[in-house]
Amino acid sequence: MMIQHIDDYNQFKEAIKEGITLVDFFATWCSPCRMLTPIVEEYSEKNETIKVIKVDVDKAHELATEYGVYSIPTLLIVKDGEEIARRLGYMPLETLEDFVEENLTK
């Protein structure tokens, strides 16, 4: 599934409204964010059922503020518009897969 880049509030709300969405809050200048990008891309390619969106905190600071994102990268799992889990910092693919899986089976 293709990763959607979002920097508009309404676009974000529409994207997370239904189903499971993995949200990656990042910044282009952030080294851990740049390290995480290929991991998130690989995850997206392997998992057709989960939408993946990336939100640049410099372009969408109101979204980052609303969701309490003060550290990047921050990954959220959103189910039908509601945040169900969050994780900060870089993680390898296996950790990302475990993070999503364990939070979807709660």
PDB file of N, CA and C in Angstrom:
ATOM      1  N   MET A   1       0.846  -1.176   0.000  1.00  0.00           N
ATOM      2  CA  MET A   1       0.000   0.000   0.000  1.00  0.00           C
ATOM      3  C   MET A   1       0.894   1.243   0.000  1.00  0.00           C
ATOM      4  N   MET A   2       0.463   2.233  -0.702  1.00  0.00           N
ATOM      5  CA  MET A   2       1.239   3.465  -0.831  1.00  0.00           C
ATOM      6  C   MET A   2       1.145   4.305   0.454  1.00  0.00           C
ATOM      7  N   ILE A   3       2.265   4.885   0.855  1.00  0.00           N
ATOM      8  CA  ILE A   3       2.267   5.775   2.012  1.00  0.00           C
ATOM      9  C   ILE A   3       1.728   7.125   1.576  1.00  0.00           C
ATOM     10  N   GLN A   4       0.822   7.664   2.382  1.00  0.00           N
ATOM     11  CA  GLN A   4       0.228   8.963   2.084  1.00  0.00           C
ATOM     12  C   GLN A   4       0.920  10.015   2.942  1.00  0.00           C
ATOM     13  N   HIS A   5       1.402  11.086   2.300  1.00  0.00           N
ATOM     14  CA  HIS A   5       2.005  12.215   3.017  1.00  0.00           C
ATOM     15  C   HIS A   5       0.938  13.276   3.230  1.00  0.00           C
ATOM     16  N   ILE A   6       0.790  13.694   4.475  1.00  0.00           N
ATOM     17  CA  ILE A   6      -0.294  14.612   4.835  1.00  0.00           C
ATOM     18  C   ILE A   6       0.265  15.812   5.596  1.00  0.00           C
ATOM     19  N   ASP A   7      -0.177  17.001   5.190  1.00  0.00           N
ATOM     20  CA  ASP A   7       0.154  18.180   5.990  1.00  0.00           C
ATOM     21  C   ASP A   7      -1.054  19.101   6.132  1.00  0.00           C
ATOM     22  N   ASP A   8      -2.226  18.550   5.909  1.00  0.00           N
ATOM     23  CA  ASP A   8      -3.465  19.309   6.013  1.00  0.00           C
ATOM     24  C   ASP A   8      -4.382  18.645   7.047  1.00  0.00           C
ATOM     25  N   TYR A   9      -4.946  19.429   7.932  1.00  0.00           N
ATOM     26  CA  TYR A   9      -5.765  18.930   9.032  1.00  0.00           C
ATOM     27  C   TYR A   9      -6.942  18.084   8.546  1.00  0.00           C
ATOM     28  N   ASN A  10      -7.697  18.619   7.592  1.00  0.00           N
ATOM     29  CA  ASN A  10      -8.881  17.910   7.100  1.00  0.00           C
ATOM     30  C   ASN A  10      -8.498  16.612   6.386  1.00  0.00           C
ATOM     31  N   GLN A  11      -7.424  16.654   5.638  1.00  0.00           N
ATOM     32  CA  GLN A  11      -6.924  15.469   4.944  1.00  0.00           C
ATOM     33  C   GLN A  11      -6.543  14.386   5.976  1.00  0.00           C
ATOM     34  N   PHE A  12      -5.919  14.816   7.059  1.00  0.00           N
ATOM     35  CA  PHE A  12      -5.529  13.900   8.130  1.00  0.00           C
ATOM     36  C   PHE A  12      -6.758  13.244   8.757  1.00  0.00           C
ATOM     37  N   LYS A  13      -7.745  14.066   9.120  1.00  0.00           N
ATOM     38  CA  LYS A  13      -8.956  13.548   9.771  1.00  0.00           C
ATOM     39  C   LYS A  13      -9.679  12.560   8.859  1.00  0.00           C
ATOM     40  N   GLU A  14      -9.693  12.839   7.566  1.00  0.00           N
ATOM     41  CA  GLU A  14     -10.330  11.936   6.599  1.00  0.00           C
ATOM     42  C   GLU A  14      -9.552  10.620   6.512  1.00  0.00           C
ATOM     43  N   ALA A  15      -8.222  10.712   6.522  1.00  0.00           N
ATOM     44  CA  ALA A  15      -7.374   9.523   6.375  1.00  0.00           C
ATOM     45  C   ALA A  15      -7.500   8.565   7.557  1.00  0.00           C
ATOM     46  N   ILE A  16      -7.703   9.100   8.761  1.00  0.00           N
ATOM     47  CA  ILE A  16      -7.741   8.235   9.954  1.00  0.00           C
ATOM     48  C   ILE A  16      -9.150   7.827  10.361  1.00  0.00           C
ATOM     49  N   LYS A  17     -10.143   8.306   9.645  1.00  0.00           N
ATOM     50  CA  LYS A  17     -11.544   8.129  10.035  1.00  0.00           C
ATOM     51  C   LYS A  17     -11.960   6.666  10.147  1.00  0.00           C
ATOM     52  N   GLU A  18     -11.534   5.835   9.194  1.00  0.00           N
ATOM     53  CA  GLU A  18     -11.979   4.446   9.188  1.00  0.00           C
ATOM     54  C   GLU A  18     -10.805   3.487   9.108  1.00  0.00           C
ATOM     55  N   GLY A  19     -10.949   2.357   9.794  1.00  0.00           N
ATOM     56  CA  GLY A  19      -9.938   1.318   9.725  1.00  0.00           C
ATOM     57  C   GLY A  19      -8.739   1.585  10.628  1.00  0.00           C
ATOM     58  N   ILE A  20      -7.675   0.853  10.359  1.00  0.00           N
ATOM     59  CA  ILE A  20      -6.434   0.959  11.136  1.00  0.00           C
ATOM     60  C   ILE A  20      -5.441   1.800  10.345  1.00  0.00           C
ATOM     61  N   THR A  21      -4.847   2.789  11.006  1.00  0.00           N
ATOM     62  CA  THR A  21      -3.865   3.662  10.363  1.00  0.00           C
ATOM     63  C   THR A  21      -2.631   3.766  11.240  1.00  0.00           C
ATOM     64  N   LEU A  22      -1.478   3.594  10.630  1.00  0.00           N
ATOM     65  CA  LEU A  22      -0.199   3.848  11.302  1.00  0.00           C
ATOM     66  C   LEU A  22       0.227   5.242  10.886  1.00  0.00           C
ATOM     67  N   VAL A  23       0.409   6.120  11.873  1.00  0.00           N
ATOM     68  CA  VAL A  23       0.768   7.508  11.607  1.00  0.00           C
ATOM     69  C   VAL A  23       2.206   7.735  12.060  1.00  0.00           C
ATOM     70  N   ASP A  24       3.021   8.247  11.144  1.00  0.00           N
ATOM     71  CA  ASP A  24       4.426   8.558  11.432  1.00  0.00           C
ATOM     72  C   ASP A  24       4.593  10.065  11.442  1.00  0.00           C
ATOM     73  N   PHE A  25       4.715  10.640  12.654  1.00  0.00           N
ATOM     74  CA  PHE A  25       5.031  12.063  12.782  1.00  0.00           C
ATOM     75  C   PHE A  25       6.551  12.194  12.693  1.00  0.00           C
ATOM     76  N   PHE A  26       7.038  13.017  11.758  1.00  0.00           N
ATOM     77  CA  PHE A  26       8.464  13.111  11.489  1.00  0.00           C
ATOM     78  C   PHE A  26       8.847  14.537  11.088  1.00  0.00           C
ATOM     79  N   ALA A  27      10.160  14.747  10.931  1.00  0.00           N
ATOM     80  CA  ALA A  27      10.678  15.993  10.344  1.00  0.00           C
ATOM     81  C   ALA A  27      11.832  15.616   9.418  1.00  0.00           C
ATOM     82  N   THR A  28      11.993  16.370   8.359  1.00  0.00           N
ATOM     83  CA  THR A  28      13.028  16.054   7.366  1.00  0.00           C
ATOM     84  C   THR A  28      14.433  16.209   7.928  1.00  0.00           C
ATOM     85  N   TRP A  29      14.606  17.053   8.948  1.00  0.00           N
ATOM     86  CA  TRP A  29      15.931  17.317   9.515  1.00  0.00           C
ATOM     87  C   TRP A  29      16.299  16.334  10.639  1.00  0.00           C
ATOM     88  N   CYS A  30      15.392  15.442  10.989  1.00  0.00           N
ATOM     89  CA  CYS A  30      15.560  14.540  12.134  1.00  0.00           C
ATOM     90  C   CYS A  30      16.245  13.240  11.695  1.00  0.00           C
ATOM     91  N   SER A  31      17.437  12.986  12.232  1.00  0.00           N
ATOM     92  CA  SER A  31      18.186  11.773  11.855  1.00  0.00           C
ATOM     93  C   SER A  31      17.448  10.475  12.192  1.00  0.00           C
ATOM     94  N   PRO A  32      16.921  10.300  13.411  1.00  0.00           N
ATOM     95  CA  PRO A  32      16.176   9.068  13.696  1.00  0.00           C
ATOM     96  C   PRO A  32      14.961   8.908  12.769  1.00  0.00           C
ATOM     97  N   CYS A  33      14.339  10.032  12.390  1.00  0.00           N
ATOM     98  CA  CYS A  33      13.202   9.977  11.467  1.00  0.00           C
ATOM     99  C   CYS A  33      13.657   9.452  10.105  1.00  0.00           C
ATOM    100  N   ARG A  34      14.791   9.941   9.634  1.00  0.00           N
ATOM    101  CA  ARG A  34      15.315   9.492   8.336  1.00  0.00           C
ATOM    102  C   ARG A  34      15.694   8.014   8.400  1.00  0.00           C
ATOM    103  N   MET A  35      16.173   7.553   9.546  1.00  0.00           N
ATOM    104  CA  MET A  35      16.505   6.134   9.706  1.00  0.00           C
ATOM    105  C   MET A  35      15.237   5.271   9.728  1.00  0.00           C
ATOM    106  N   LEU A  36      14.156   5.814  10.274  1.00  0.00           N
ATOM    107  CA  LEU A  36      12.911   5.071  10.390  1.00  0.00           C
ATOM    108  C   LEU A  36      12.142   5.002   9.065  1.00  0.00           C
ATOM    109  N   THR A  37      12.334   5.975   8.197  1.00  0.00           N
ATOM    110  CA  THR A  37      11.570   6.046   6.945  1.00  0.00           C
ATOM    111  C   THR A  37      11.607   4.751   6.131  1.00  0.00           C
ATOM    112  N   PRO A  38      12.782   4.161   5.846  1.00  0.00           N
ATOM    113  CA  PRO A  38      12.756   2.920   5.065  1.00  0.00           C
ATOM    114  C   PRO A  38      12.081   1.759   5.800  1.00  0.00           C
ATOM    115  N   ILE A  39      12.112   1.778   7.131  1.00  0.00           N
ATOM    116  CA  ILE A  39      11.440   0.746   7.930  1.00  0.00           C
ATOM    117  C   ILE A  39       9.926   0.873   7.746  1.00  0.00           C
ATOM    118  N   VAL A  40       9.423   2.098   7.842  1.00  0.00           N
ATOM    119  CA  VAL A  40       7.990   2.345   7.679  1.00  0.00           C
ATOM    120  C   VAL A  40       7.563   2.007   6.248  1.00  0.00           C
ATOM    121  N   GLU A  41       8.412   2.337   5.277  1.00  0.00           N
ATOM    122  CA  GLU A  41       8.104   2.020   3.877  1.00  0.00           C
ATOM    123  C   GLU A  41       8.025   0.509   3.667  1.00  0.00           C
ATOM    124  N   GLU A  42       8.972  -0.223   4.239  1.00  0.00           N
ATOM    125  CA  GLU A  42       8.964  -1.677   4.112  1.00  0.00           C
ATOM    126  C   GLU A  42       7.727  -2.266   4.794  1.00  0.00           C
ATOM    127  N   TYR A  43       7.403  -1.740   5.979  1.00  0.00           N
ATOM    128  CA  TYR A  43       6.212  -2.197   6.686  1.00  0.00           C
ATOM    129  C   TYR A  43       4.966  -1.985   5.828  1.00  0.00           C
ATOM    130  N   SER A  44       4.868  -0.814   5.220  1.00  0.00           N
ATOM    131  CA  SER A  44       3.727  -0.475   4.377  1.00  0.00           C
ATOM    132  C   SER A  44       3.590  -1.427   3.196  1.00  0.00           C
ATOM    133  N   GLU A  45       4.714  -1.791   2.598  1.00  0.00           N
ATOM    134  CA  GLU A  45       4.700  -2.706   1.459  1.00  0.00           C
ATOM    135  C   GLU A  45       4.248  -4.113   1.859  1.00  0.00           C
ATOM    136  N   LYS A  46       4.578  -4.521   3.088  1.00  0.00           N
ATOM    137  CA  LYS A  46       4.263  -5.874   3.555  1.00  0.00           C
ATOM    138  C   LYS A  46       2.833  -6.009   4.093  1.00  0.00           C
ATOM    139  N   ASN A  47       2.215  -4.889   4.460  1.00  0.00           N
ATOM    140  CA  ASN A  47       0.914  -4.933   5.137  1.00  0.00           C
ATOM    141  C   ASN A  47      -0.130  -4.146   4.365  1.00  0.00           C
ATOM    142  N   GLU A  48      -0.884  -4.857   3.570  1.00  0.00           N
ATOM    143  CA  GLU A  48      -1.891  -4.231   2.718  1.00  0.00           C
ATOM    144  C   GLU A  48      -3.112  -3.741   3.485  1.00  0.00           C
ATOM    145  N   THR A  49      -3.363  -4.267   4.671  1.00  0.00           N
ATOM    146  CA  THR A  49      -4.596  -3.936   5.380  1.00  0.00           C
ATOM    147  C   THR A  49      -4.496  -2.701   6.263  1.00  0.00           C
ATOM    148  N   ILE A  50      -3.283  -2.230   6.517  1.00  0.00           N
ATOM    149  CA  ILE A  50      -3.099  -1.078   7.401  1.00  0.00           C
ATOM    150  C   ILE A  50      -2.620   0.115   6.580  1.00  0.00           C
ATOM    151  N   LYS A  51      -3.381   1.229   6.682  1.00  0.00           N
ATOM    152  CA  LYS A  51      -2.963   2.454   6.007  1.00  0.00           C
ATOM    153  C   LYS A  51      -1.764   3.032   6.744  1.00  0.00           C
ATOM    154  N   VAL A  52      -0.840   3.620   6.011  1.00  0.00           N
ATOM    155  CA  VAL A  52       0.312   4.277   6.611  1.00  0.00           C
ATOM    156  C   VAL A  52       0.344   5.710   6.095  1.00  0.00           C
ATOM    157  N   ILE A  53       0.386   6.646   7.042  1.00  0.00           N
ATOM    158  CA  ILE A  53       0.499   8.051   6.648  1.00  0.00           C
ATOM    159  C   ILE A  53       1.662   8.687   7.390  1.00  0.00           C
ATOM    160  N   LYS A  54       2.289   9.650   6.717  1.00  0.00           N
ATOM    161  CA  LYS A  54       3.403  10.391   7.305  1.00  0.00           C
ATOM    162  C   LYS A  54       2.981  11.842   7.425  1.00  0.00           C
ATOM    163  N   VAL A  55       3.278  12.428   8.584  1.00  0.00           N
ATOM    164  CA  VAL A  55       2.934  13.814   8.855  1.00  0.00           C
ATOM    165  C   VAL A  55       4.211  14.567   9.222  1.00  0.00           C
ATOM    166  N   ASP A  56       4.587  15.524   8.387  1.00  0.00           N
ATOM    167  CA  ASP A  56       5.755  16.365   8.641  1.00  0.00           C
ATOM    168  C   ASP A  56       5.367  17.410   9.683  1.00  0.00           C
ATOM    169  N   VAL A  57       5.978  17.337  10.869  1.00  0.00           N
ATOM    170  CA  VAL A  57       5.590  18.230  11.969  1.00  0.00           C
ATOM    171  C   VAL A  57       5.879  19.696  11.662  1.00  0.00           C
ATOM    172  N   ASP A  58       6.814  19.972  10.758  1.00  0.00           N
ATOM    173  CA  ASP A  58       7.099  21.353  10.392  1.00  0.00           C
ATOM    174  C   ASP A  58       6.019  21.938   9.482  1.00  0.00           C
ATOM    175  N   LYS A  59       5.358  21.082   8.727  1.00  0.00           N
ATOM    176  CA  LYS A  59       4.288  21.537   7.839  1.00  0.00           C
ATOM    177  C   LYS A  59       2.921  21.458   8.507  1.00  0.00           C
ATOM    178  N   ALA A  60       2.796  20.612   9.503  1.00  0.00           N
ATOM    179  CA  ALA A  60       1.505  20.392  10.163  1.00  0.00           C
ATOM    180  C   ALA A  60       1.665  20.486  11.672  1.00  0.00           C
ATOM    181  N   HIS A  61       2.218  21.595  12.138  1.00  0.00           N
ATOM    182  CA  HIS A  61       2.486  21.711  13.582  1.00  0.00           C
ATOM    183  C   HIS A  61       1.208  21.706  14.416  1.00  0.00           C
ATOM    184  N   GLU A  62       0.071  22.149  13.835  1.00  0.00           N
ATOM    185  CA  GLU A  62      -1.187  22.110  14.598  1.00  0.00           C
ATOM    186  C   GLU A  62      -1.618  20.669  14.866  1.00  0.00           C
ATOM    187  N   LEU A  63      -1.381  19.773  13.925  1.00  0.00           N
ATOM    188  CA  LEU A  63      -1.683  18.354  14.145  1.00  0.00           C
ATOM    189  C   LEU A  63      -0.766  17.768  15.211  1.00  0.00           C
ATOM    190  N   ALA A  64       0.518  18.102  15.117  1.00  0.00           N
ATOM    191  CA  ALA A  64       1.473  17.604  16.111  1.00  0.00           C
ATOM    192  C   ALA A  64       1.085  18.079  17.510  1.00  0.00           C
ATOM    193  N   THR A  65       0.693  19.335  17.621  1.00  0.00           N
ATOM    194  CA  THR A  65       0.287  19.879  18.913  1.00  0.00           C
ATOM    195  C   THR A  65      -0.979  19.198  19.418  1.00  0.00           C
ATOM    196  N   GLU A  66      -1.961  19.041  18.546  1.00  0.00           N
ATOM    197  CA  GLU A  66      -3.225  18.413  18.947  1.00  0.00           C
ATOM    198  C   GLU A  66      -3.014  16.991  19.449  1.00  0.00           C
ATOM    199  N   TYR A  67      -2.077  16.283  18.827  1.00  0.00           N
ATOM    200  CA  TYR A  67      -1.823  14.895  19.216  1.00  0.00           C
ATOM    201  C   TYR A  67      -0.692  14.764  20.245  1.00  0.00           C
ATOM    202  N   GLY A  68      -0.223  15.879  20.774  1.00  0.00           N
ATOM    203  CA  GLY A  68       0.775  15.834  21.836  1.00  0.00           C
ATOM    204  C   GLY A  68       2.107  15.261  21.395  1.00  0.00           C
ATOM    205  N   VAL A  69       2.494  15.543  20.156  1.00  0.00           N
ATOM    206  CA  VAL A  69       3.758  15.041  19.627  1.00  0.00           C
ATOM    207  C   VAL A  69       4.837  16.078  19.917  1.00  0.00           C
ATOM    208  N   TYR A  70       5.667  15.771  20.903  1.00  0.00           N
ATOM    209  CA  TYR A  70       6.741  16.686  21.302  1.00  0.00           C
ATOM    210  C   TYR A  70       8.107  16.093  21.038  1.00  0.00           C
ATOM    211  N   SER A  71       8.137  14.853  20.620  1.00  0.00           N
ATOM    212  CA  SER A  71       9.359  14.128  20.304  1.00  0.00           C
ATOM    213  C   SER A  71       9.135  13.435  18.979  1.00  0.00           C
ATOM    214  N   ILE A  72      10.160  13.404  18.149  1.00  0.00           N
ATOM    215  CA  ILE A  72      10.012  12.702  16.877  1.00  0.00           C
ATOM    216  C   ILE A  72      11.193  11.771  16.672  1.00  0.00           C
ATOM    217  N   PRO A  73      10.979  10.673  15.961  1.00  0.00           N
ATOM    218  CA  PRO A  73       9.703  10.256  15.385  1.00  0.00           C
ATOM    219  C   PRO A  73       8.736   9.729  16.440  1.00  0.00           C
ATOM    220  N   THR A  74       7.456   9.973  16.191  1.00  0.00           N
ATOM    221  CA  THR A  74       6.386   9.407  17.010  1.00  0.00           C
ATOM    222  C   THR A  74       5.469   8.629  16.083  1.00  0.00           C
ATOM    223  N   LEU A  75       5.219   7.381  16.431  1.00  0.00           N
ATOM    224  CA  LEU A  75       4.295   6.551  15.660  1.00  0.00           C
ATOM    225  C   LEU A  75       3.023   6.358  16.470  1.00  0.00           C
ATOM    226  N   LEU A  76       1.888   6.551  15.810  1.00  0.00           N
ATOM    227  CA  LEU A  76       0.595   6.312  16.432  1.00  0.00           C
ATOM    228  C   LEU A  76      -0.112   5.193  15.686  1.00  0.00           C
ATOM    229  N   ILE A  77      -0.866   4.412  16.414  1.00  0.00           N
ATOM    230  CA  ILE A  77      -1.807   3.498  15.785  1.00  0.00           C
ATOM    231  C   ILE A  77      -3.184   4.086  16.067  1.00  0.00           C
ATOM    232  N   VAL A  78      -3.920   4.319  14.991  1.00  0.00           N
ATOM    233  CA  VAL A  78      -5.247   4.914  15.096  1.00  0.00           C
ATOM    234  C   VAL A  78      -6.253   3.917  14.543  1.00  0.00           C
ATOM    235  N   LYS A  79      -7.307   3.689  15.313  1.00  0.00           N
ATOM    236  CA  LYS A  79      -8.368   2.775  14.884  1.00  0.00           C
ATOM    237  C   LYS A  79      -9.675   3.560  14.834  1.00  0.00           C
ATOM    238  N   ASP A  80     -10.255   3.641  13.633  1.00  0.00           N
ATOM    239  CA  ASP A  80     -11.512   4.363  13.419  1.00  0.00           C
ATOM    240  C   ASP A  80     -11.487   5.757  14.039  1.00  0.00           C
ATOM    241  N   GLY A  81     -10.374   6.469  13.827  1.00  0.00           N
ATOM    242  CA  GLY A  81     -10.259   7.848  14.267  1.00  0.00           C
ATOM    243  C   GLY A  81      -9.742   8.054  15.675  1.00  0.00           C
ATOM    244  N   GLU A  82      -9.590   6.977  16.440  1.00  0.00           N
ATOM    245  CA  GLU A  82      -9.140   7.090  17.832  1.00  0.00           C
ATOM    246  C   GLU A  82      -7.755   6.486  18.009  1.00  0.00           C
ATOM    247  N   GLU A  83      -6.864   7.249  18.658  1.00  0.00           N
ATOM    248  CA  GLU A  83      -5.528   6.720  18.942  1.00  0.00           C
ATOM    249  C   GLU A  83      -5.637   5.572  19.938  1.00  0.00           C
ATOM    250  N   ILE A  84      -4.999   4.439  19.593  1.00  0.00           N
ATOM    251  CA  ILE A  84      -5.013   3.307  20.528  1.00  0.00           C
ATOM    252  C   ILE A  84      -3.621   2.990  21.078  1.00  0.00           C
ATOM    253  N   ALA A  85      -2.574   3.533  20.429  1.00  0.00           N
ATOM    254  CA  ALA A  85      -1.214   3.283  20.926  1.00  0.00           C
ATOM    255  C   ALA A  85      -0.256   4.292  20.321  1.00  0.00           C
ATOM    256  N   ARG A  86       0.883   4.469  21.019  1.00  0.00           N
ATOM    257  CA  ARG A  86       1.932   5.353  20.499  1.00  0.00           C
ATOM    258  C   ARG A  86       3.288   4.827  20.929  1.00  0.00           C
ATOM    259  N   ARG A  87       4.273   5.128  20.103  1.00  0.00           N
ATOM    260  CA  ARG A  87       5.652   4.703  20.383  1.00  0.00           C
ATOM    261  C   ARG A  87       6.584   5.787  19.869  1.00  0.00           C
ATOM    262  N   LEU A  88       7.595   6.118  20.650  1.00  0.00           N
ATOM    263  CA  LEU A  88       8.547   7.166  20.273  1.00  0.00           C
ATOM    264  C   LEU A  88       9.866   6.563  19.838  1.00  0.00           C
ATOM    265  N   GLY A  89      10.515   7.231  18.886  1.00  0.00           N
ATOM    266  CA  GLY A  89      11.876   6.888  18.522  1.00  0.00           C
ATOM    267  C   GLY A  89      11.992   5.851  17.420  1.00  0.00           C
ATOM    268  N   TYR A  90      13.233   5.642  17.051  1.00  0.00           N
ATOM    269  CA  TYR A  90      13.562   4.673  16.008  1.00  0.00           C
ATOM    270  C   TYR A  90      13.299   3.255  16.500  1.00  0.00           C
ATOM    271  N   MET A  91      12.920   2.371  15.580  1.00  0.00           N
ATOM    272  CA  MET A  91      12.776   0.952  15.906  1.00  0.00           C
ATOM    273  C   MET A  91      13.030   0.135  14.651  1.00  0.00           C
ATOM    274  N   PRO A  92      13.590  -1.052  14.796  1.00  0.00           N
ATOM    275  CA  PRO A  92      13.758  -1.927  13.632  1.00  0.00           C
ATOM    276  C   PRO A  92      12.394  -2.469  13.187  1.00  0.00           C
ATOM    277  N   LEU A  93      12.357  -3.044  12.007  1.00  0.00           N
ATOM    278  CA  LEU A  93      11.113  -3.548  11.428  1.00  0.00           C
ATOM    279  C   LEU A  93      10.400  -4.531  12.346  1.00  0.00           C
ATOM    280  N   GLU A  94      11.137  -5.462  12.943  1.00  0.00           N
ATOM    281  CA  GLU A  94      10.517  -6.472  13.811  1.00  0.00           C
ATOM    282  C   GLU A  94       9.809  -5.813  14.995  1.00  0.00           C
ATOM    283  N   THR A  95      10.417  -4.788  15.559  1.00  0.00           N
ATOM    284  CA  THR A  95       9.817  -4.084  16.694  1.00  0.00           C
ATOM    285  C   THR A  95       8.560  -3.347  16.251  1.00  0.00           C
ATOM    286  N   LEU A  96       8.602  -2.729  15.072  1.00  0.00           N
ATOM    287  CA  LEU A  96       7.428  -2.047  14.528  1.00  0.00           C
ATOM    288  C   LEU A  96       6.289  -3.038  14.308  1.00  0.00           C
ATOM    289  N   GLU A  97       6.603  -4.181  13.723  1.00  0.00           N
ATOM    290  CA  GLU A  97       5.580  -5.210  13.487  1.00  0.00           C
ATOM    291  C   GLU A  97       4.977  -5.686  14.809  1.00  0.00           C
ATOM    292  N   ASP A  98       5.820  -5.910  15.813  1.00  0.00           N
ATOM    293  CA  ASP A  98       5.339  -6.343  17.130  1.00  0.00           C
ATOM    294  C   ASP A  98       4.459  -5.269  17.768  1.00  0.00           C
ATOM    295  N   PHE A  99       4.886  -4.006  17.669  1.00  0.00           N
ATOM    296  CA  PHE A  99       4.131  -2.879  18.224  1.00  0.00           C
ATOM    297  C   PHE A  99       2.720  -2.848  17.636  1.00  0.00           C
ATOM    298  N   VAL A 100       2.601  -2.957  16.333  1.00  0.00           N
ATOM    299  CA  VAL A 100       1.297  -2.925  15.689  1.00  0.00           C
ATOM    300  C   VAL A 100       0.487  -4.153  16.087  1.00  0.00           C
ATOM    301  N   GLU A 101       1.094  -5.319  15.966  1.00  0.00           N
ATOM    302  CA  GLU A 101       0.391  -6.572  16.234  1.00  0.00           C
ATOM    303  C   GLU A 101      -0.144  -6.634  17.668  1.00  0.00           C
ATOM    304  N   GLU A 102       0.690  -6.290  18.635  1.00  0.00           N
ATOM    305  CA  GLU A 102       0.248  -6.414  20.031  1.00  0.00           C
ATOM    306  C   GLU A 102      -0.862  -5.424  20.370  1.00  0.00           C
ATOM    307  N   ASN A 103      -0.885  -4.285  19.672  1.00  0.00           N
ATOM    308  CA  ASN A 103      -1.926  -3.299  19.953  1.00  0.00           C
ATOM    309  C   ASN A 103      -3.212  -3.573  19.200  1.00  0.00           C
ATOM    310  N   LEU A 104      -3.149  -4.353  18.145  1.00  0.00           N
ATOM    311  CA  LEU A 104      -4.368  -4.697  17.412  1.00  0.00           C
ATOM    312  C   LEU A 104      -5.067  -5.911  18.011  1.00  0.00           C
ATOM    313  N   THR A 105      -4.377  -6.642  18.864  1.00  0.00           N
ATOM    314  CA  THR A 105      -4.971  -7.828  19.460  1.00  0.00           C
ATOM    315  C   THR A 105      -5.471  -7.587  20.884  1.00  0.00           C
ATOM    316  N   LYS A 106      -5.399  -6.340  21.336  1.00  0.00           N
ATOM    317  CA  LYS A 106      -5.865  -6.012  22.694  1.00  0.00           C
ATOM    318  C   LYS A 106      -7.372  -6.075  22.772  1.00  0.00           C
TER     319      LYS A 106
END
